[in-house]
Amino acid sequence: NQQCHVIKEIARYGSHYHHGLEAGSK
Protein backbone atom coordinates (compact mmCIF):
# COMPACT_ATOMS: atom_id res chain seq x y z
CA ASN A 1 0.00 0.00 0.00
CA GLN A 2 1.95 2.97 -1.31
CA GLN A 3 -0.56 5.63 -0.25
CA CYS A 4 1.20 8.50 1.45
CA HIS A 5 -0.95 8.68 4.59
CA VAL A 6 -0.62 4.91 5.14
CA ILE A 7 3.18 5.00 4.91
CA LYS A 8 3.36 8.12 7.08
CA GLU A 9 1.32 6.44 9.80
CA ILE A 10 3.42 3.27 9.67
CA ALA A 11 6.58 5.38 9.94
CA ARG A 12 5.15 7.52 12.74
CA TYR A 13 3.61 4.85 14.95
CA GLY A 14 6.11 2.17 13.91
CA SER A 15 9.00 4.30 15.19
CA HIS A 16 8.12 3.08 18.73
CA TYR A 17 9.16 -0.39 17.53
CA HIS A 18 11.86 0.61 15.01
CA HIS A 19 9.57 -0.70 12.27
CA GLY A 20 11.16 -0.21 8.86
CA LEU A 21 10.23 -0.17 5.18
CA GLU A 22 11.02 -2.36 2.18
CA ALA A 23 11.63 -0.72 -1.19
CA GLY A 24 11.48 -2.53 -4.52
CA SER A 25 12.17 0.48 -6.76
CA LYS A 26 13.91 3.85 -6.75
PDB file of all heavy atoms in Angstrom:
ATOM      1  N   ASN A   1       0.869  -1.181   0.000  1.00  0.00           N
ATOM      2  CA  ASN A   1       0.000   0.000   0.000  1.00  0.00           C
ATOM      3  C   ASN A   1       0.902   1.227   0.000  1.00  0.00           C
ATOM      4  O   ASN A   1       1.484   1.577   1.022  1.00  0.00           O
ATOM      5  CB  ASN A   1      -0.939   0.023   1.205  1.00  0.00           C
ATOM      6  CG  ASN A   1      -2.027   1.069   1.057  1.00  0.00           C
ATOM      7  OD1 ASN A   1      -1.785   2.179   0.600  1.00  0.00           O
ATOM      8  ND2 ASN A   1      -3.243   0.708   1.439  1.00  0.00           N
ATOM      9  N   GLN A   2       1.007   1.862  -1.152  1.00  0.00           N
ATOM     10  CA  GLN A   2       1.951   2.967  -1.313  1.00  0.00           C
ATOM     11  C   GLN A   2       1.360   4.323  -0.955  1.00  0.00           C
ATOM     12  O   GLN A   2       2.048   5.339  -1.075  1.00  0.00           O
ATOM     13  CB  GLN A   2       2.434   3.002  -2.777  1.00  0.00           C
ATOM     14  CG  GLN A   2       3.189   1.740  -3.176  1.00  0.00           C
ATOM     15  CD  GLN A   2       2.900   1.311  -4.600  1.00  0.00           C
ATOM     16  OE1 GLN A   2       1.834   1.587  -5.119  1.00  0.00           O
ATOM     17  NE2 GLN A   2       3.841   0.616  -5.217  1.00  0.00           N
ATOM     18  N   GLN A   3       0.086   4.357  -0.526  1.00  0.00           N
ATOM     19  CA  GLN A   3      -0.565   5.627  -0.251  1.00  0.00           C
ATOM     20  C   GLN A   3       0.176   6.395   0.845  1.00  0.00           C
ATOM     21  O   GLN A   3       0.559   5.834   1.874  1.00  0.00           O
ATOM     22  CB  GLN A   3      -2.014   5.395   0.162  1.00  0.00           C
ATOM     23  CG  GLN A   3      -2.844   4.667  -0.890  1.00  0.00           C
ATOM     24  CD  GLN A   3      -2.892   5.426  -2.211  1.00  0.00           C
ATOM     25  OE1 GLN A   3      -3.125   6.627  -2.229  1.00  0.00           O
ATOM     26  NE2 GLN A   3      -2.673   4.736  -3.315  1.00  0.00           N
ATOM     27  N   CYS A   4       0.347   7.675   0.600  1.00  0.00           N
ATOM     28  CA  CYS A   4       1.197   8.504   1.451  1.00  0.00           C
ATOM     29  C   CYS A   4       0.785   8.450   2.922  1.00  0.00           C
ATOM     30  O   CYS A   4       1.626   8.262   3.804  1.00  0.00           O
ATOM     31  CB  CYS A   4       1.168   9.943   0.939  1.00  0.00           C
ATOM     32  SG  CYS A   4       2.116  11.109   1.941  1.00  0.00           S
ATOM     33  N   HIS A   5      -0.520   8.610   3.190  1.00  0.00           N
ATOM     34  CA  HIS A   5      -0.948   8.676   4.589  1.00  0.00           C
ATOM     35  C   HIS A   5      -0.809   7.336   5.294  1.00  0.00           C
ATOM     36  O   HIS A   5      -0.655   7.284   6.510  1.00  0.00           O
ATOM     37  CB  HIS A   5      -2.382   9.199   4.698  1.00  0.00           C
ATOM     38  CG  HIS A   5      -3.348   8.573   3.765  1.00  0.00           C
ATOM     39  ND1 HIS A   5      -3.314   8.757   2.409  1.00  0.00           N
ATOM     40  CD2 HIS A   5      -4.396   7.756   3.986  1.00  0.00           C
ATOM     41  CE1 HIS A   5      -4.294   8.094   1.837  1.00  0.00           C
ATOM     42  NE2 HIS A   5      -4.962   7.468   2.769  1.00  0.00           N
ATOM     43  N   VAL A   6      -0.848   6.233   4.532  1.00  0.00           N
ATOM     44  CA  VAL A   6      -0.621   4.914   5.138  1.00  0.00           C
ATOM     45  C   VAL A   6       0.846   4.776   5.538  1.00  0.00           C
ATOM     46  O   VAL A   6       1.165   4.373   6.669  1.00  0.00           O
ATOM     47  CB  VAL A   6      -1.019   3.791   4.156  1.00  0.00           C
ATOM     48  CG1 VAL A   6      -0.630   2.426   4.705  1.00  0.00           C
ATOM     49  CG2 VAL A   6      -2.513   3.838   3.871  1.00  0.00           C
ATOM     50  N   ILE A   7       1.750   5.111   4.619  1.00  0.00           N
ATOM     51  CA  ILE A   7       3.183   4.998   4.909  1.00  0.00           C
ATOM     52  C   ILE A   7       3.580   5.949   6.036  1.00  0.00           C
ATOM     53  O   ILE A   7       4.372   5.591   6.925  1.00  0.00           O
ATOM     54  CB  ILE A   7       4.015   5.278   3.643  1.00  0.00           C
ATOM     55  CG1 ILE A   7       3.670   4.270   2.536  1.00  0.00           C
ATOM     56  CG2 ILE A   7       5.503   5.234   3.965  1.00  0.00           C
ATOM     57  CD1 ILE A   7       3.923   2.827   2.892  1.00  0.00           C
ATOM     58  N   LYS A   8       3.034   7.158   6.016  1.00  0.00           N
ATOM     59  CA  LYS A   8       3.358   8.116   7.075  1.00  0.00           C
ATOM     60  C   LYS A   8       2.958   7.586   8.448  1.00  0.00           C
ATOM     61  O   LYS A   8       3.692   7.742   9.430  1.00  0.00           O
ATOM     62  CB  LYS A   8       2.660   9.446   6.809  1.00  0.00           C
ATOM     63  CG  LYS A   8       3.375  10.336   5.804  1.00  0.00           C
ATOM     64  CD  LYS A   8       2.705  11.700   5.720  1.00  0.00           C
ATOM     65  CE  LYS A   8       3.510  12.636   4.826  1.00  0.00           C
ATOM     66  NZ  LYS A   8       2.892  13.977   4.733  1.00  0.00           N
ATOM     67  N   GLU A   9       1.781   6.961   8.519  1.00  0.00           N
ATOM     68  CA  GLU A   9       1.321   6.441   9.803  1.00  0.00           C
ATOM     69  C   GLU A   9       2.163   5.259  10.259  1.00  0.00           C
ATOM     70  O   GLU A   9       2.472   5.117  11.446  1.00  0.00           O
ATOM     71  CB  GLU A   9      -0.156   6.057   9.730  1.00  0.00           C
ATOM     72  CG  GLU A   9      -0.769   5.613  11.054  1.00  0.00           C
ATOM     73  CD  GLU A   9      -0.721   6.684  12.135  1.00  0.00           C
ATOM     74  OE1 GLU A   9      -0.570   7.873  11.803  1.00  0.00           O
ATOM     75  OE2 GLU A   9      -0.831   6.319  13.326  1.00  0.00           O
ATOM     76  N   ILE A  10       2.546   4.396   9.312  1.00  0.00           N
ATOM     77  CA  ILE A  10       3.419   3.275   9.669  1.00  0.00           C
ATOM     78  C   ILE A  10       4.753   3.794  10.185  1.00  0.00           C
ATOM     79  O   ILE A  10       5.294   3.299  11.183  1.00  0.00           O
ATOM     80  CB  ILE A  10       3.622   2.343   8.457  1.00  0.00           C
ATOM     81  CG1 ILE A  10       2.317   1.613   8.132  1.00  0.00           C
ATOM     82  CG2 ILE A  10       4.752   1.337   8.716  1.00  0.00           C
ATOM     83  CD1 ILE A  10       2.344   0.824   6.845  1.00  0.00           C
ATOM     84  N   ALA A  11       5.306   4.812   9.511  1.00  0.00           N
ATOM     85  CA  ALA A  11       6.585   5.385   9.941  1.00  0.00           C
ATOM     86  C   ALA A  11       6.446   6.063  11.299  1.00  0.00           C
ATOM     87  O   ALA A  11       7.322   5.931  12.171  1.00  0.00           O
ATOM     88  CB  ALA A  11       7.090   6.371   8.898  1.00  0.00           C
ATOM     89  N   ARG A  12       5.339   6.787  11.485  1.00  0.00           N
ATOM     90  CA  ARG A  12       5.146   7.522  12.740  1.00  0.00           C
ATOM     91  C   ARG A  12       4.945   6.576  13.920  1.00  0.00           C
ATOM     92  O   ARG A  12       5.707   6.587  14.884  1.00  0.00           O
ATOM     93  CB  ARG A  12       3.940   8.462  12.629  1.00  0.00           C
ATOM     94  CG  ARG A  12       3.723   9.347  13.862  1.00  0.00           C
ATOM     95  CD  ARG A  12       2.329   9.952  13.893  1.00  0.00           C
ATOM     96  NE  ARG A  12       1.290   8.960  14.153  1.00  0.00           N
ATOM     97  CZ  ARG A  12       0.977   8.507  15.366  1.00  0.00           C
ATOM     98  NH1 ARG A  12       1.644   8.917  16.438  1.00  0.00           N
ATOM     99  NH2 ARG A  12       0.019   7.615  15.519  1.00  0.00           N
ATOM    100  N   TYR A  13       3.911   5.726  13.824  1.00  0.00           N
ATOM    101  CA  TYR A  13       3.613   4.847  14.950  1.00  0.00           C
ATOM    102  C   TYR A  13       4.660   3.732  15.059  1.00  0.00           C
ATOM    103  O   TYR A  13       5.040   3.325  16.153  1.00  0.00           O
ATOM    104  CB  TYR A  13       2.222   4.241  14.792  1.00  0.00           C
ATOM    105  CG  TYR A  13       1.759   3.498  16.018  1.00  0.00           C
ATOM    106  CD1 TYR A  13       1.176   4.190  17.087  1.00  0.00           C
ATOM    107  CD2 TYR A  13       1.931   2.122  16.133  1.00  0.00           C
ATOM    108  CE1 TYR A  13       0.774   3.511  18.224  1.00  0.00           C
ATOM    109  CE2 TYR A  13       1.523   1.446  17.265  1.00  0.00           C
ATOM    110  CZ  TYR A  13       0.950   2.144  18.310  1.00  0.00           C
ATOM    111  OH  TYR A  13       0.558   1.477  19.442  1.00  0.00           O
ATOM    112  N   GLY A  14       5.131   3.250  13.905  1.00  0.00           N
ATOM    113  CA  GLY A  14       6.113   2.168  13.915  1.00  0.00           C
ATOM    114  C   GLY A  14       7.454   2.555  14.505  1.00  0.00           C
ATOM    115  O   GLY A  14       8.252   1.679  14.863  1.00  0.00           O
ATOM    116  N   SER A  15       7.714   3.862  14.621  1.00  0.00           N
ATOM    117  CA  SER A  15       8.998   4.296  15.188  1.00  0.00           C
ATOM    118  C   SER A  15       9.159   3.824  16.630  1.00  0.00           C
ATOM    119  O   SER A  15      10.285   3.635  17.106  1.00  0.00           O
ATOM    120  CB  SER A  15       9.116   5.825  15.121  1.00  0.00           C
ATOM    121  OG  SER A  15       8.131   6.453  15.932  1.00  0.00           O
ATOM    122  N   HIS A  16       8.044   3.603  17.350  1.00  0.00           N
ATOM    123  CA  HIS A  16       8.120   3.080  18.727  1.00  0.00           C
ATOM    124  C   HIS A  16       8.762   1.695  18.743  1.00  0.00           C
ATOM    125  O   HIS A  16       9.314   1.274  19.768  1.00  0.00           O
ATOM    126  CB  HIS A  16       6.721   2.982  19.339  1.00  0.00           C
ATOM    127  CG  HIS A  16       5.969   4.273  19.354  1.00  0.00           C
ATOM    128  ND1 HIS A  16       6.450   5.436  19.919  1.00  0.00           N
ATOM    129  CD2 HIS A  16       4.745   4.608  18.850  1.00  0.00           C
ATOM    130  CE1 HIS A  16       5.568   6.410  19.781  1.00  0.00           C
ATOM    131  NE2 HIS A  16       4.525   5.940  19.128  1.00  0.00           N
ATOM    132  N   TYR A  17       8.655   0.984  17.609  1.00  0.00           N
ATOM    133  CA  TYR A  17       9.164  -0.391  17.530  1.00  0.00           C
ATOM    134  C   TYR A  17      10.310  -0.513  16.521  1.00  0.00           C
ATOM    135  O   TYR A  17      10.714  -1.631  16.193  1.00  0.00           O
ATOM    136  CB  TYR A  17       8.030  -1.337  17.110  1.00  0.00           C
ATOM    137  CG  TYR A  17       6.843  -1.301  18.041  1.00  0.00           C
ATOM    138  CD1 TYR A  17       5.740  -0.493  17.770  1.00  0.00           C
ATOM    139  CD2 TYR A  17       6.825  -2.080  19.205  1.00  0.00           C
ATOM    140  CE1 TYR A  17       4.641  -0.458  18.626  1.00  0.00           C
ATOM    141  CE2 TYR A  17       5.742  -2.049  20.059  1.00  0.00           C
ATOM    142  CZ  TYR A  17       4.653  -1.234  19.766  1.00  0.00           C
ATOM    143  OH  TYR A  17       3.570  -1.203  20.620  1.00  0.00           O
ATOM    144  N   HIS A  18      10.814   0.615  16.043  1.00  0.00           N
ATOM    145  CA  HIS A  18      11.862   0.612  15.006  1.00  0.00           C
ATOM    146  C   HIS A  18      11.399  -0.163  13.770  1.00  0.00           C
ATOM    147  O   HIS A  18      12.168  -0.906  13.156  1.00  0.00           O
ATOM    148  CB  HIS A  18      13.169   0.019  15.542  1.00  0.00           C
ATOM    149  CG  HIS A  18      13.569   0.545  16.884  1.00  0.00           C
ATOM    150  ND1 HIS A  18      13.791   1.884  17.126  1.00  0.00           N
ATOM    151  CD2 HIS A  18      13.766  -0.084  18.077  1.00  0.00           C
ATOM    152  CE1 HIS A  18      14.115   2.058  18.403  1.00  0.00           C
ATOM    153  NE2 HIS A  18      14.099   0.887  19.001  1.00  0.00           N
ATOM    154  N   HIS A  19      10.130   0.011  13.422  1.00  0.00           N
ATOM    155  CA  HIS A  19       9.567  -0.697  12.270  1.00  0.00           C
ATOM    156  C   HIS A  19      10.021  -0.003  10.991  1.00  0.00           C
ATOM    157  O   HIS A  19       9.872   1.213  10.841  1.00  0.00           O
ATOM    158  CB  HIS A  19       8.031  -0.700  12.354  1.00  0.00           C
ATOM    159  CG  HIS A  19       7.400  -1.880  11.697  1.00  0.00           C
ATOM    160  ND1 HIS A  19       7.043  -3.026  12.389  1.00  0.00           N
ATOM    161  CD2 HIS A  19       7.088  -2.125  10.406  1.00  0.00           C
ATOM    162  CE1 HIS A  19       6.519  -3.903  11.557  1.00  0.00           C
ATOM    163  NE2 HIS A  19       6.538  -3.377  10.339  1.00  0.00           N
ATOM    164  N   GLY A  20      10.569  -0.769  10.062  1.00  0.00           N
ATOM    165  CA  GLY A  20      11.162  -0.205   8.862  1.00  0.00           C
ATOM    166  C   GLY A  20      10.307  -0.362   7.623  1.00  0.00           C
ATOM    167  O   GLY A  20       9.125  -0.718   7.691  1.00  0.00           O
ATOM    168  N   LEU A  21      10.924  -0.115   6.461  1.00  0.00           N
ATOM    169  CA  LEU A  21      10.234  -0.173   5.179  1.00  0.00           C
ATOM    170  C   LEU A  21      11.065  -0.958   4.173  1.00  0.00           C
ATOM    171  O   LEU A  21      12.300  -0.932   4.209  1.00  0.00           O
ATOM    172  CB  LEU A  21       9.983   1.238   4.637  1.00  0.00           C
ATOM    173  CG  LEU A  21       9.046   2.140   5.456  1.00  0.00           C
ATOM    174  CD1 LEU A  21       9.091   3.573   4.937  1.00  0.00           C
ATOM    175  CD2 LEU A  21       7.618   1.604   5.439  1.00  0.00           C
ATOM    176  N   GLU A  22      10.358  -1.640   3.271  1.00  0.00           N
ATOM    177  CA  GLU A  22      11.017  -2.365   2.176  1.00  0.00           C
ATOM    178  C   GLU A  22      10.719  -1.650   0.874  1.00  0.00           C
ATOM    179  O   GLU A  22       9.578  -1.264   0.608  1.00  0.00           O
ATOM    180  CB  GLU A  22      10.509  -3.808   2.109  1.00  0.00           C
ATOM    181  CG  GLU A  22      11.142  -4.647   1.006  1.00  0.00           C
ATOM    182  CD  GLU A  22      10.302  -4.669  -0.275  1.00  0.00           C
ATOM    183  OE1 GLU A  22       9.090  -4.408  -0.208  1.00  0.00           O
ATOM    184  OE2 GLU A  22      10.882  -4.936  -1.347  1.00  0.00           O
ATOM    185  N   ALA A  23      11.767  -1.429   0.076  1.00  0.00           N
ATOM    186  CA  ALA A  23      11.632  -0.718  -1.188  1.00  0.00           C
ATOM    187  C   ALA A  23      12.049  -1.631  -2.331  1.00  0.00           C
ATOM    188  O   ALA A  23      13.128  -2.229  -2.295  1.00  0.00           O
ATOM    189  CB  ALA A  23      12.493   0.544  -1.188  1.00  0.00           C
ATOM    190  N   GLY A  24      11.181  -1.697  -3.360  1.00  0.00           N
ATOM    191  CA  GLY A  24      11.483  -2.527  -4.525  1.00  0.00           C
ATOM    192  C   GLY A  24      11.763  -1.716  -5.768  1.00  0.00           C
ATOM    193  O   GLY A  24      11.859  -2.269  -6.864  1.00  0.00           O
ATOM    194  N   SER A  25      11.888  -0.396  -5.619  1.00  0.00           N
ATOM    195  CA  SER A  25      12.175   0.476  -6.759  1.00  0.00           C
ATOM    196  C   SER A  25      12.803   1.757  -6.240  1.00  0.00           C
ATOM    197  O   SER A  25      12.789   2.038  -5.034  1.00  0.00           O
ATOM    198  CB  SER A  25      10.885   0.807  -7.519  1.00  0.00           C
ATOM    199  OG  SER A  25      10.039   1.622  -6.716  1.00  0.00           O
ATOM    200  N   LYS A  26      13.339   2.572  -7.165  1.00  0.00           N
ATOM    201  CA  LYS A  26      13.914   3.854  -6.751  1.00  0.00           C
ATOM    202  C   LYS A  26      12.857   4.754  -6.131  1.00  0.00           C
ATOM    203  O   LYS A  26      13.124   5.449  -5.135  1.00  0.00           O
ATOM    204  CB  LYS A  26      14.563   4.547  -7.955  1.00  0.00           C
ATOM    205  CG  LYS A  26      15.930   3.978  -8.321  1.00  0.00           C
ATOM    206  CD  LYS A  26      16.535   4.683  -9.509  1.00  0.00           C
ATOM    207  CE  LYS A  26      15.936   4.198 -10.806  1.00  0.00           C
ATOM    208  NZ  LYS A  26      16.660   4.691 -11.994  1.00  0.00           N
TER     209      LYS A  26
END
